[in-house]
Amino acid sequence: MKRVIALSFFFPFLLIFLCVRLAFTEFFVELNYRFGNLPPDRWGMDQERRLEIAKLGLRSVLSDKGMEEFISSGLFREKEIKHMQDVKRLLSVIFKVLYFGLPLWLFLFFSLRDKKKMGLVLFSGALLTEILVIFVLVFSLLNYDLLFEVFHNFFFDPHSWRFFDQDMLLRVYPMKFWYNATLWVCVFSLLLNSSFQALGLILWKKVS
């Protein structure tokens, strides 16, 4: 039973981390720019150039080579570079948990060899995910600025992530960009989660 509880507890983190990883791709950045209704740049930079720089920022938090390219571009102040280095470290932890934790979770899950217990893990884990994601989704819809601030103050130095409007990070990643990203992660998590929840319920209830 302890394994069932542990697997159920870690299920939401792995599923959400997976959706976060999918959001940190060039495909999603392009999707956000094409269909996310982002505000135009106040200083007249065209969307194609903004998209190009946004992809540069994405690469900077995914690899050392990308970070070197980001720094050498000359487009960002030292404070912006420092923040992106902080983001890179945080994502490195999240993605390592995903890459190493997911195979381990799957191994322990299938080693249960009991469809009823497996169903209970999926259903209860999906229920926890549902509660967490709906909370974030509602919070985002009610006051995304506050959610954004709370998140950043929790994971970063409160003075390290605030920038001027003319700073390049805010020009290529306006608040609407992150609002869209958060909603995408929440909605995709719920859609993916619902399939596991349904499967879990079937296994849990139908197996005698």
N, C-alpha and C. Protein backbone atom coordinates (compact mmCIF):
# COMPACT_ATOMS: atom_id res chain seq x y z
N MET A 1 0.82 -1.21 0.00
CA MET A 1 0.00 0.00 0.00
C MET A 1 0.86 1.26 0.00
N LYS A 2 2.03 1.17 0.64
CA LYS A 2 2.93 2.32 0.67
C LYS A 2 3.38 2.70 -0.73
N ARG A 3 3.62 1.67 -1.56
CA ARG A 3 4.04 1.94 -2.93
C ARG A 3 2.92 2.62 -3.72
N VAL A 4 1.70 2.19 -3.48
CA VAL A 4 0.54 2.79 -4.15
C VAL A 4 0.45 4.28 -3.80
N ILE A 5 0.62 4.58 -2.51
CA ILE A 5 0.55 5.98 -2.05
C ILE A 5 1.67 6.81 -2.66
N ALA A 6 2.89 6.24 -2.66
CA ALA A 6 4.05 6.96 -3.20
C ALA A 6 3.89 7.22 -4.69
N LEU A 7 3.45 6.20 -5.42
CA LEU A 7 3.27 6.36 -6.87
C LEU A 7 2.17 7.38 -7.17
N SER A 8 1.11 7.35 -6.38
CA SER A 8 0.02 8.31 -6.57
C SER A 8 0.49 9.74 -6.31
N PHE A 9 1.32 9.89 -5.28
CA PHE A 9 1.81 11.22 -4.89
C PHE A 9 2.70 11.83 -5.97
N PHE A 10 3.57 11.02 -6.56
CA PHE A 10 4.51 11.54 -7.54
C PHE A 10 3.93 11.67 -8.95
N PHE A 11 2.78 11.04 -9.17
CA PHE A 11 2.15 11.09 -10.49
C PHE A 11 1.92 12.52 -11.00
N PRO A 12 1.33 13.43 -10.17
CA PRO A 12 1.07 14.79 -10.67
C PRO A 12 2.33 15.52 -11.09
N PHE A 13 3.41 15.36 -10.32
CA PHE A 13 4.64 16.07 -10.64
C PHE A 13 5.21 15.63 -11.98
N LEU A 14 5.22 14.32 -12.21
CA LEU A 14 5.78 13.81 -13.46
C LEU A 14 4.93 14.21 -14.66
N LEU A 15 3.62 14.16 -14.51
CA LEU A 15 2.76 14.52 -15.63
C LEU A 15 2.88 16.02 -15.95
N ILE A 16 2.88 16.85 -14.92
CA ILE A 16 3.00 18.29 -15.14
C ILE A 16 4.38 18.65 -15.67
N PHE A 17 5.42 18.01 -15.14
CA PHE A 17 6.78 18.27 -15.65
C PHE A 17 6.89 17.88 -17.12
N LEU A 18 6.20 16.81 -17.51
CA LEU A 18 6.20 16.40 -18.92
C LEU A 18 5.56 17.49 -19.79
N CYS A 19 4.45 18.04 -19.33
CA CYS A 19 3.78 19.09 -20.10
C CYS A 19 4.61 20.37 -20.14
N VAL A 20 5.30 20.66 -19.05
CA VAL A 20 6.20 21.82 -19.02
C VAL A 20 7.32 21.63 -20.04
N ARG A 21 7.87 20.40 -20.07
CA ARG A 21 8.95 20.14 -21.04
C ARG A 21 8.46 20.34 -22.47
N LEU A 22 7.25 19.91 -22.76
CA LEU A 22 6.70 20.08 -24.10
C LEU A 22 6.49 21.56 -24.44
N ALA A 23 6.23 22.36 -23.40
CA ALA A 23 6.05 23.80 -23.62
C ALA A 23 7.36 24.50 -23.93
N PHE A 24 8.47 23.96 -23.43
CA PHE A 24 9.78 24.55 -23.69
C PHE A 24 10.38 23.96 -24.97
N THR A 25 9.67 24.20 -26.06
CA THR A 25 10.11 23.75 -27.39
C THR A 25 9.90 24.90 -28.37
N GLU A 26 10.65 24.87 -29.46
CA GLU A 26 10.49 25.91 -30.48
C GLU A 26 9.10 25.86 -31.09
N PHE A 27 8.54 24.66 -31.19
CA PHE A 27 7.19 24.51 -31.74
C PHE A 27 6.19 25.33 -30.93
N PHE A 28 6.28 25.23 -29.59
CA PHE A 28 5.33 25.96 -28.76
C PHE A 28 5.57 27.47 -28.83
N VAL A 29 6.85 27.88 -28.85
CA VAL A 29 7.15 29.31 -28.96
C VAL A 29 6.54 29.87 -30.25
N GLU A 30 6.69 29.13 -31.34
CA GLU A 30 6.11 29.56 -32.62
C GLU A 30 4.58 29.60 -32.53
N LEU A 31 4.00 28.60 -31.90
CA LEU A 31 2.54 28.53 -31.73
C LEU A 31 2.05 29.74 -30.94
N ASN A 32 2.77 30.07 -29.88
CA ASN A 32 2.40 31.20 -29.03
C ASN A 32 2.47 32.51 -29.81
N TYR A 33 3.49 32.64 -30.63
CA TYR A 33 3.64 33.86 -31.42
C TYR A 33 2.61 33.95 -32.55
N ARG A 34 2.28 32.83 -33.13
CA ARG A 34 1.33 32.84 -34.26
C ARG A 34 -0.12 33.03 -33.81
N PHE A 35 -0.47 32.36 -32.71
CA PHE A 35 -1.88 32.33 -32.32
C PHE A 35 -2.16 32.85 -30.91
N GLY A 36 -1.13 33.33 -30.22
CA GLY A 36 -1.30 33.75 -28.82
C GLY A 36 -1.75 35.18 -28.62
N ASN A 37 -1.99 35.90 -29.71
CA ASN A 37 -2.46 37.29 -29.61
C ASN A 37 -1.54 38.14 -28.73
N LEU A 38 -0.23 38.03 -28.95
CA LEU A 38 0.73 38.79 -28.16
C LEU A 38 0.69 40.26 -28.57
N PRO A 39 0.88 41.17 -27.62
CA PRO A 39 0.86 42.60 -27.95
C PRO A 39 2.06 42.96 -28.82
N PRO A 40 1.92 43.92 -29.71
CA PRO A 40 3.07 44.33 -30.54
C PRO A 40 4.15 44.99 -29.69
N ASP A 41 5.36 44.95 -30.17
CA ASP A 41 6.47 45.58 -29.46
C ASP A 41 6.30 47.10 -29.48
N ARG A 42 6.45 47.73 -28.32
CA ARG A 42 6.23 49.17 -28.20
C ARG A 42 7.30 49.97 -28.93
N TRP A 43 8.43 49.35 -29.23
CA TRP A 43 9.53 50.06 -29.88
C TRP A 43 9.67 49.65 -31.36
N GLY A 44 8.65 48.97 -31.87
CA GLY A 44 8.57 48.74 -33.31
C GLY A 44 9.27 47.51 -33.86
N MET A 45 9.76 46.62 -32.99
CA MET A 45 10.39 45.41 -33.51
C MET A 45 9.34 44.51 -34.14
N ASP A 46 9.61 43.98 -35.32
CA ASP A 46 8.62 43.14 -35.99
C ASP A 46 8.55 41.76 -35.35
N GLN A 47 7.45 41.06 -35.59
CA GLN A 47 7.18 39.78 -34.94
C GLN A 47 8.21 38.71 -35.30
N GLU A 48 8.68 38.70 -36.52
CA GLU A 48 9.65 37.69 -36.94
C GLU A 48 10.95 37.83 -36.16
N ARG A 49 11.38 39.07 -35.97
CA ARG A 49 12.61 39.31 -35.21
C ARG A 49 12.40 38.95 -33.74
N ARG A 50 11.25 39.28 -33.20
CA ARG A 50 10.94 38.92 -31.81
C ARG A 50 10.93 37.40 -31.64
N LEU A 51 10.33 36.71 -32.60
CA LEU A 51 10.28 35.25 -32.54
C LEU A 51 11.68 34.66 -32.59
N GLU A 52 12.52 35.22 -33.42
CA GLU A 52 13.91 34.76 -33.53
C GLU A 52 14.64 34.90 -32.20
N ILE A 53 14.45 36.05 -31.53
CA ILE A 53 15.11 36.29 -30.24
C ILE A 53 14.48 35.43 -29.15
N ALA A 54 13.16 35.21 -29.24
CA ALA A 54 12.49 34.35 -28.26
C ALA A 54 13.03 32.92 -28.33
N LYS A 55 13.30 32.44 -29.54
CA LYS A 55 13.89 31.11 -29.70
C LYS A 55 15.32 31.08 -29.16
N LEU A 56 16.04 32.18 -29.31
CA LEU A 56 17.38 32.29 -28.74
C LEU A 56 17.31 32.15 -27.22
N GLY A 57 16.34 32.82 -26.61
CA GLY A 57 16.15 32.71 -25.17
C GLY A 57 15.80 31.29 -24.75
N LEU A 58 14.97 30.63 -25.54
CA LEU A 58 14.62 29.23 -25.26
C LEU A 58 15.86 28.35 -25.26
N ARG A 59 16.69 28.50 -26.27
CA ARG A 59 17.90 27.68 -26.36
C ARG A 59 18.84 27.94 -25.18
N SER A 60 18.81 29.16 -24.67
CA SER A 60 19.72 29.51 -23.57
C SER A 60 19.42 28.75 -22.29
N VAL A 61 18.15 28.40 -22.08
CA VAL A 61 17.80 27.70 -20.84
C VAL A 61 17.80 26.18 -21.01
N LEU A 62 18.10 25.71 -22.23
CA LEU A 62 18.09 24.28 -22.49
C LEU A 62 19.48 23.66 -22.65
N SER A 63 20.49 24.49 -22.92
CA SER A 63 21.83 23.94 -23.13
C SER A 63 22.90 24.98 -22.85
N ASP A 64 24.10 24.50 -22.55
CA ASP A 64 25.24 25.41 -22.32
C ASP A 64 25.58 26.17 -23.59
N LYS A 65 25.52 25.48 -24.72
CA LYS A 65 25.81 26.13 -25.99
C LYS A 65 24.81 27.24 -26.28
N GLY A 66 23.55 26.97 -25.97
CA GLY A 66 22.52 27.98 -26.16
C GLY A 66 22.74 29.19 -25.27
N MET A 67 23.20 28.94 -24.04
CA MET A 67 23.48 30.04 -23.12
C MET A 67 24.65 30.88 -23.63
N GLU A 68 25.66 30.24 -24.16
CA GLU A 68 26.80 30.97 -24.72
C GLU A 68 26.35 31.87 -25.88
N GLU A 69 25.48 31.33 -26.72
CA GLU A 69 24.94 32.09 -27.85
C GLU A 69 24.12 33.28 -27.35
N PHE A 70 23.35 33.04 -26.30
CA PHE A 70 22.51 34.07 -25.69
C PHE A 70 23.36 35.22 -25.15
N ILE A 71 24.42 34.87 -24.42
CA ILE A 71 25.29 35.89 -23.82
C ILE A 71 26.03 36.69 -24.89
N SER A 72 26.53 35.98 -25.89
CA SER A 72 27.34 36.64 -26.93
C SER A 72 26.52 37.46 -27.91
N SER A 73 25.19 37.35 -27.85
CA SER A 73 24.34 38.08 -28.79
C SER A 73 24.40 39.59 -28.56
N GLY A 74 24.70 40.00 -27.33
CA GLY A 74 24.76 41.42 -27.01
C GLY A 74 23.41 42.09 -26.89
N LEU A 75 22.34 41.29 -26.83
CA LEU A 75 20.99 41.84 -26.79
C LEU A 75 20.46 42.02 -25.37
N PHE A 76 21.16 41.45 -24.40
CA PHE A 76 20.62 41.38 -23.05
C PHE A 76 21.57 41.99 -22.02
N ARG A 77 20.97 42.64 -21.02
CA ARG A 77 21.75 43.19 -19.92
C ARG A 77 22.22 42.06 -19.01
N GLU A 78 23.19 42.38 -18.16
CA GLU A 78 23.76 41.39 -17.25
C GLU A 78 22.68 40.80 -16.34
N LYS A 79 21.75 41.63 -15.89
CA LYS A 79 20.68 41.16 -15.00
C LYS A 79 19.78 40.16 -15.73
N GLU A 80 19.52 40.41 -16.99
CA GLU A 80 18.71 39.49 -17.78
C GLU A 80 19.42 38.16 -17.97
N ILE A 81 20.71 38.23 -18.24
CA ILE A 81 21.52 37.01 -18.40
C ILE A 81 21.51 36.20 -17.11
N LYS A 82 21.68 36.90 -15.99
CA LYS A 82 21.71 36.22 -14.68
C LYS A 82 20.37 35.51 -14.43
N HIS A 83 19.28 36.16 -14.76
CA HIS A 83 17.97 35.53 -14.54
C HIS A 83 17.81 34.29 -15.41
N MET A 84 18.22 34.38 -16.65
CA MET A 84 18.10 33.22 -17.53
C MET A 84 19.00 32.07 -17.08
N GLN A 85 20.12 32.38 -16.48
CA GLN A 85 20.97 31.34 -15.90
C GLN A 85 20.27 30.69 -14.71
N ASP A 86 19.56 31.49 -13.92
CA ASP A 86 18.77 30.95 -12.81
C ASP A 86 17.65 30.04 -13.33
N VAL A 87 17.00 30.48 -14.39
CA VAL A 87 15.92 29.68 -15.00
C VAL A 87 16.49 28.36 -15.53
N LYS A 88 17.64 28.43 -16.15
CA LYS A 88 18.29 27.23 -16.69
C LYS A 88 18.57 26.23 -15.58
N ARG A 89 19.04 26.71 -14.44
CA ARG A 89 19.33 25.81 -13.31
C ARG A 89 18.04 25.17 -12.79
N LEU A 90 16.98 25.95 -12.69
CA LEU A 90 15.70 25.41 -12.21
C LEU A 90 15.16 24.36 -13.18
N LEU A 91 15.19 24.67 -14.47
CA LEU A 91 14.70 23.71 -15.47
C LEU A 91 15.55 22.46 -15.51
N SER A 92 16.84 22.61 -15.27
CA SER A 92 17.73 21.45 -15.24
C SER A 92 17.30 20.47 -14.16
N VAL A 93 16.92 20.99 -13.00
CA VAL A 93 16.44 20.14 -11.91
C VAL A 93 15.12 19.47 -12.30
N ILE A 94 14.20 20.27 -12.82
CA ILE A 94 12.88 19.74 -13.21
C ILE A 94 13.00 18.65 -14.27
N PHE A 95 13.82 18.89 -15.27
CA PHE A 95 13.95 17.93 -16.36
C PHE A 95 14.70 16.67 -15.93
N LYS A 96 15.66 16.81 -15.02
CA LYS A 96 16.35 15.63 -14.49
C LYS A 96 15.38 14.76 -13.70
N VAL A 97 14.53 15.41 -12.91
CA VAL A 97 13.51 14.66 -12.17
C VAL A 97 12.61 13.91 -13.15
N LEU A 98 12.25 14.57 -14.25
CA LEU A 98 11.40 13.94 -15.26
C LEU A 98 12.11 12.79 -15.96
N TYR A 99 13.34 13.02 -16.43
CA TYR A 99 14.06 12.02 -17.22
C TYR A 99 14.44 10.79 -16.41
N PHE A 100 14.77 10.98 -15.13
CA PHE A 100 15.15 9.85 -14.29
C PHE A 100 13.96 9.31 -13.50
N GLY A 101 13.06 10.20 -13.12
CA GLY A 101 11.92 9.79 -12.30
C GLY A 101 10.86 9.03 -13.06
N LEU A 102 10.61 9.42 -14.31
CA LEU A 102 9.55 8.77 -15.08
C LEU A 102 9.84 7.29 -15.35
N PRO A 103 11.05 6.93 -15.81
CA PRO A 103 11.34 5.49 -15.99
C PRO A 103 11.24 4.71 -14.68
N LEU A 104 11.71 5.32 -13.58
CA LEU A 104 11.63 4.65 -12.28
C LEU A 104 10.18 4.47 -11.87
N TRP A 105 9.38 5.52 -12.08
CA TRP A 105 7.95 5.45 -11.73
C TRP A 105 7.28 4.34 -12.53
N LEU A 106 7.56 4.27 -13.82
CA LEU A 106 6.95 3.24 -14.68
C LEU A 106 7.36 1.84 -14.25
N PHE A 107 8.64 1.69 -13.89
CA PHE A 107 9.12 0.39 -13.43
C PHE A 107 8.38 -0.04 -12.16
N LEU A 108 8.27 0.86 -11.19
CA LEU A 108 7.59 0.54 -9.94
C LEU A 108 6.10 0.32 -10.16
N PHE A 109 5.53 1.08 -11.09
CA PHE A 109 4.10 0.95 -11.38
C PHE A 109 3.78 -0.42 -11.96
N PHE A 110 4.52 -0.83 -12.98
CA PHE A 110 4.24 -2.12 -13.61
C PHE A 110 4.67 -3.29 -12.74
N SER A 111 5.57 -3.05 -11.81
CA SER A 111 5.98 -4.12 -10.90
C SER A 111 4.93 -4.40 -9.84
N LEU A 112 3.90 -3.57 -9.77
CA LEU A 112 2.80 -3.85 -8.84
C LEU A 112 2.11 -5.16 -9.21
N ARG A 113 2.01 -5.43 -10.52
CA ARG A 113 1.42 -6.68 -11.03
C ARG A 113 0.01 -6.95 -10.47
N ASP A 114 -0.69 -5.91 -10.19
CA ASP A 114 -2.05 -6.02 -9.66
C ASP A 114 -2.87 -4.91 -10.32
N LYS A 115 -3.76 -5.30 -11.22
CA LYS A 115 -4.50 -4.31 -12.00
C LYS A 115 -5.35 -3.39 -11.12
N LYS A 116 -5.86 -3.92 -10.03
CA LYS A 116 -6.68 -3.10 -9.14
C LYS A 116 -5.83 -2.01 -8.48
N LYS A 117 -4.64 -2.40 -8.02
CA LYS A 117 -3.73 -1.42 -7.41
C LYS A 117 -3.23 -0.42 -8.46
N MET A 118 -2.96 -0.91 -9.65
CA MET A 118 -2.51 -0.02 -10.73
C MET A 118 -3.61 0.99 -11.07
N GLY A 119 -4.84 0.51 -11.09
CA GLY A 119 -5.96 1.40 -11.35
C GLY A 119 -6.12 2.44 -10.25
N LEU A 120 -5.91 2.02 -9.00
CA LEU A 120 -6.01 2.94 -7.87
C LEU A 120 -4.93 4.02 -7.96
N VAL A 121 -3.73 3.62 -8.34
CA VAL A 121 -2.63 4.58 -8.51
C VAL A 121 -2.99 5.62 -9.56
N LEU A 122 -3.45 5.16 -10.71
CA LEU A 122 -3.78 6.08 -11.81
C LEU A 122 -4.93 7.00 -11.44
N PHE A 123 -5.95 6.43 -10.82
CA PHE A 123 -7.13 7.24 -10.49
C PHE A 123 -6.81 8.27 -9.41
N SER A 124 -6.17 7.83 -8.33
CA SER A 124 -5.87 8.75 -7.23
C SER A 124 -4.81 9.77 -7.63
N GLY A 125 -3.81 9.33 -8.41
CA GLY A 125 -2.79 10.26 -8.90
C GLY A 125 -3.40 11.30 -9.81
N ALA A 126 -4.32 10.86 -10.67
CA ALA A 126 -5.00 11.78 -11.59
C ALA A 126 -5.90 12.74 -10.83
N LEU A 127 -6.50 12.27 -9.75
CA LEU A 127 -7.35 13.14 -8.93
C LEU A 127 -6.52 14.24 -8.28
N LEU A 128 -5.36 13.88 -7.76
CA LEU A 128 -4.45 14.88 -7.18
C LEU A 128 -4.02 15.89 -8.24
N THR A 129 -3.71 15.39 -9.42
CA THR A 129 -3.31 16.27 -10.52
C THR A 129 -4.43 17.23 -10.87
N GLU A 130 -5.63 16.72 -10.93
CA GLU A 130 -6.81 17.52 -11.26
C GLU A 130 -6.97 18.67 -10.28
N ILE A 131 -6.85 18.36 -9.00
CA ILE A 131 -7.00 19.39 -7.96
C ILE A 131 -5.94 20.47 -8.11
N LEU A 132 -4.69 20.04 -8.28
CA LEU A 132 -3.57 20.97 -8.39
C LEU A 132 -3.69 21.85 -9.64
N VAL A 133 -3.97 21.23 -10.77
CA VAL A 133 -4.03 21.98 -12.03
C VAL A 133 -5.22 22.93 -12.06
N ILE A 134 -6.36 22.49 -11.57
CA ILE A 134 -7.54 23.37 -11.55
C ILE A 134 -7.29 24.57 -10.64
N PHE A 135 -6.60 24.35 -9.53
CA PHE A 135 -6.25 25.46 -8.64
C PHE A 135 -5.41 26.49 -9.38
N VAL A 136 -4.36 26.01 -10.08
CA VAL A 136 -3.49 26.92 -10.84
C VAL A 136 -4.26 27.60 -11.95
N LEU A 137 -5.13 26.86 -12.62
CA LEU A 137 -5.91 27.41 -13.73
C LEU A 137 -6.85 28.52 -13.25
N VAL A 138 -7.55 28.27 -12.15
CA VAL A 138 -8.48 29.28 -11.62
C VAL A 138 -7.71 30.50 -11.13
N PHE A 139 -6.58 30.25 -10.42
CA PHE A 139 -5.73 31.34 -9.95
C PHE A 139 -5.26 32.19 -11.13
N SER A 140 -4.88 31.53 -12.21
CA SER A 140 -4.40 32.24 -13.41
C SER A 140 -5.49 33.12 -14.01
N LEU A 141 -6.69 32.59 -14.07
CA LEU A 141 -7.80 33.33 -14.67
C LEU A 141 -8.22 34.51 -13.80
N LEU A 142 -8.09 34.36 -12.48
CA LEU A 142 -8.50 35.42 -11.56
C LEU A 142 -7.44 36.51 -11.41
N ASN A 143 -6.18 36.11 -11.26
CA ASN A 143 -5.12 37.10 -11.03
C ASN A 143 -3.77 36.51 -11.44
N TYR A 144 -3.50 36.51 -12.73
CA TYR A 144 -2.27 35.88 -13.20
C TYR A 144 -1.03 36.64 -12.74
N ASP A 145 -1.12 37.96 -12.66
CA ASP A 145 0.03 38.75 -12.22
C ASP A 145 0.49 38.32 -10.84
N LEU A 146 -0.46 38.08 -9.94
CA LEU A 146 -0.11 37.65 -8.59
C LEU A 146 0.51 36.26 -8.60
N LEU A 147 -0.07 35.35 -9.37
CA LEU A 147 0.49 34.00 -9.48
C LEU A 147 1.92 34.05 -10.00
N PHE A 148 2.14 34.86 -11.02
CA PHE A 148 3.47 35.01 -11.62
C PHE A 148 4.46 35.53 -10.58
N GLU A 149 4.03 36.50 -9.81
CA GLU A 149 4.91 37.09 -8.78
C GLU A 149 5.22 36.08 -7.67
N VAL A 150 4.21 35.38 -7.20
CA VAL A 150 4.41 34.39 -6.14
C VAL A 150 5.37 33.29 -6.60
N PHE A 151 5.16 32.81 -7.82
CA PHE A 151 6.03 31.77 -8.38
C PHE A 151 7.48 32.24 -8.45
N HIS A 152 7.69 33.42 -8.99
CA HIS A 152 9.06 33.92 -9.16
C HIS A 152 9.73 34.24 -7.82
N ASN A 153 8.97 34.78 -6.89
CA ASN A 153 9.56 35.07 -5.58
C ASN A 153 9.91 33.80 -4.81
N PHE A 154 9.19 32.73 -5.10
CA PHE A 154 9.46 31.45 -4.42
C PHE A 154 10.73 30.80 -4.96
N PHE A 155 10.91 30.83 -6.27
CA PHE A 155 12.03 30.12 -6.88
C PHE A 155 13.26 30.99 -7.14
N PHE A 156 13.08 32.31 -7.15
CA PHE A 156 14.20 33.20 -7.46
C PHE A 156 14.30 34.32 -6.44
N ASP A 157 15.44 34.97 -6.42
CA ASP A 157 15.62 36.17 -5.61
C ASP A 157 14.59 37.21 -6.07
N PRO A 158 13.79 37.75 -5.13
CA PRO A 158 12.74 38.70 -5.51
C PRO A 158 13.23 39.91 -6.31
N HIS A 159 14.52 40.23 -6.17
CA HIS A 159 15.05 41.40 -6.88
C HIS A 159 15.74 41.02 -8.19
N SER A 160 15.75 39.74 -8.52
CA SER A 160 16.54 39.31 -9.69
C SER A 160 15.74 39.19 -10.98
N TRP A 161 14.41 39.24 -10.89
CA TRP A 161 13.61 38.94 -12.08
C TRP A 161 12.72 40.10 -12.55
N ARG A 162 12.88 41.25 -11.93
CA ARG A 162 12.08 42.42 -12.34
C ARG A 162 12.89 43.27 -13.32
N PHE A 163 12.28 43.60 -14.44
CA PHE A 163 13.02 44.30 -15.50
C PHE A 163 12.27 45.54 -15.98
N PHE A 164 12.98 46.36 -16.74
CA PHE A 164 12.37 47.54 -17.36
C PHE A 164 11.59 47.10 -18.60
N ASP A 165 10.58 47.89 -18.96
CA ASP A 165 9.77 47.56 -20.13
C ASP A 165 10.61 47.44 -21.40
N GLN A 166 11.68 48.23 -21.47
CA GLN A 166 12.50 48.22 -22.68
C GLN A 166 13.53 47.10 -22.70
N ASP A 167 13.65 46.35 -21.60
CA ASP A 167 14.59 45.22 -21.59
C ASP A 167 14.10 44.15 -22.56
N MET A 168 15.05 43.50 -23.21
CA MET A 168 14.71 42.57 -24.29
C MET A 168 13.86 41.39 -23.81
N LEU A 169 14.10 40.91 -22.60
CA LEU A 169 13.31 39.78 -22.11
C LEU A 169 11.82 40.10 -22.09
N LEU A 170 11.48 41.30 -21.62
CA LEU A 170 10.06 41.67 -21.58
C LEU A 170 9.51 41.97 -22.97
N ARG A 171 10.37 42.36 -23.86
CA ARG A 171 9.91 42.66 -25.23
C ARG A 171 9.59 41.38 -26.02
N VAL A 172 10.36 40.34 -25.79
CA VAL A 172 10.10 39.09 -26.53
C VAL A 172 9.24 38.10 -25.74
N TYR A 173 9.21 38.28 -24.40
CA TYR A 173 8.36 37.44 -23.56
C TYR A 173 7.43 38.32 -22.72
N PRO A 174 6.45 38.96 -23.34
CA PRO A 174 5.49 39.76 -22.57
C PRO A 174 4.67 38.86 -21.65
N MET A 175 3.99 39.46 -20.69
CA MET A 175 3.22 38.67 -19.74
C MET A 175 2.21 37.76 -20.44
N LYS A 176 1.66 38.23 -21.55
CA LYS A 176 0.68 37.41 -22.28
C LYS A 176 1.31 36.11 -22.77
N PHE A 177 2.59 36.14 -23.08
CA PHE A 177 3.29 34.93 -23.51
C PHE A 177 3.23 33.88 -22.41
N TRP A 178 3.55 34.30 -21.16
CA TRP A 178 3.57 33.35 -20.04
C TRP A 178 2.17 32.95 -19.61
N TYR A 179 1.23 33.87 -19.75
CA TYR A 179 -0.17 33.54 -19.46
C TYR A 179 -0.64 32.43 -20.41
N ASN A 180 -0.36 32.59 -21.69
CA ASN A 180 -0.71 31.56 -22.67
C ASN A 180 -0.04 30.23 -22.34
N ALA A 181 1.25 30.31 -21.98
CA ALA A 181 2.00 29.10 -21.68
C ALA A 181 1.42 28.37 -20.48
N THR A 182 1.05 29.13 -19.45
CA THR A 182 0.48 28.52 -18.25
C THR A 182 -0.86 27.85 -18.56
N LEU A 183 -1.69 28.54 -19.32
CA LEU A 183 -2.99 27.95 -19.70
C LEU A 183 -2.79 26.70 -20.54
N TRP A 184 -1.81 26.73 -21.45
CA TRP A 184 -1.55 25.58 -22.31
C TRP A 184 -1.13 24.38 -21.46
N VAL A 185 -0.21 24.60 -20.54
CA VAL A 185 0.25 23.51 -19.68
C VAL A 185 -0.91 22.96 -18.85
N CYS A 186 -1.75 23.85 -18.32
CA CYS A 186 -2.89 23.41 -17.52
C CYS A 186 -3.88 22.60 -18.35
N VAL A 187 -4.25 23.12 -19.50
CA VAL A 187 -5.25 22.45 -20.34
C VAL A 187 -4.72 21.12 -20.86
N PHE A 188 -3.48 21.11 -21.34
CA PHE A 188 -2.91 19.87 -21.85
C PHE A 188 -2.75 18.84 -20.73
N SER A 189 -2.38 19.31 -19.53
CA SER A 189 -2.27 18.42 -18.38
C SER A 189 -3.61 17.78 -18.06
N LEU A 190 -4.67 18.58 -18.09
CA LEU A 190 -6.01 18.06 -17.79
C LEU A 190 -6.47 17.07 -18.85
N LEU A 191 -6.20 17.36 -20.11
CA LEU A 191 -6.59 16.44 -21.18
C LEU A 191 -5.85 15.11 -21.06
N LEU A 192 -4.55 15.19 -20.86
CA LEU A 192 -3.75 13.97 -20.72
C LEU A 192 -4.15 13.23 -19.45
N ASN A 193 -4.38 14.00 -18.40
CA ASN A 193 -4.73 13.42 -17.11
C ASN A 193 -6.07 12.69 -17.16
N SER A 194 -7.01 13.22 -17.92
CA SER A 194 -8.34 12.61 -17.97
C SER A 194 -8.29 11.19 -18.54
N SER A 195 -7.37 10.95 -19.48
CA SER A 195 -7.25 9.61 -20.05
C SER A 195 -6.72 8.63 -19.01
N PHE A 196 -5.75 9.07 -18.21
CA PHE A 196 -5.22 8.21 -17.15
C PHE A 196 -6.27 7.99 -16.06
N GLN A 197 -7.04 9.03 -15.77
CA GLN A 197 -8.08 8.91 -14.76
C GLN A 197 -9.15 7.90 -15.19
N ALA A 198 -9.54 7.97 -16.45
CA ALA A 198 -10.54 7.03 -16.96
C ALA A 198 -10.01 5.60 -16.95
N LEU A 199 -8.77 5.43 -17.39
CA LEU A 199 -8.15 4.09 -17.38
C LEU A 199 -8.04 3.57 -15.96
N GLY A 200 -7.63 4.44 -15.04
CA GLY A 200 -7.50 4.04 -13.64
C GLY A 200 -8.83 3.60 -13.06
N LEU A 201 -9.89 4.33 -13.36
CA LEU A 201 -11.21 3.98 -12.85
C LEU A 201 -11.67 2.64 -13.39
N ILE A 202 -11.41 2.41 -14.68
CA ILE A 202 -11.79 1.13 -15.29
C ILE A 202 -11.06 -0.03 -14.62
N LEU A 203 -9.76 0.10 -14.46
CA LEU A 203 -8.97 -0.97 -13.84
C LEU A 203 -9.37 -1.18 -12.39
N TRP A 204 -9.57 -0.10 -11.68
CA TRP A 204 -9.87 -0.17 -10.25
C TRP A 204 -11.25 -0.79 -9.99
N LYS A 205 -12.24 -0.40 -10.78
CA LYS A 205 -13.62 -0.83 -10.52
C LYS A 205 -13.99 -2.15 -11.22
N LYS A 206 -13.43 -2.38 -12.41
CA LYS A 206 -13.85 -3.56 -13.17
C LYS A 206 -13.13 -4.82 -12.75
N VAL A 207 -11.91 -4.67 -12.24
CA VAL A 207 -11.16 -5.85 -11.82
C VAL A 207 -11.66 -6.29 -10.46
N SER A 208 -12.07 -7.51 -10.35
CA SER A 208 -12.64 -8.00 -9.09
C SER A 208 -11.54 -8.31 -8.09
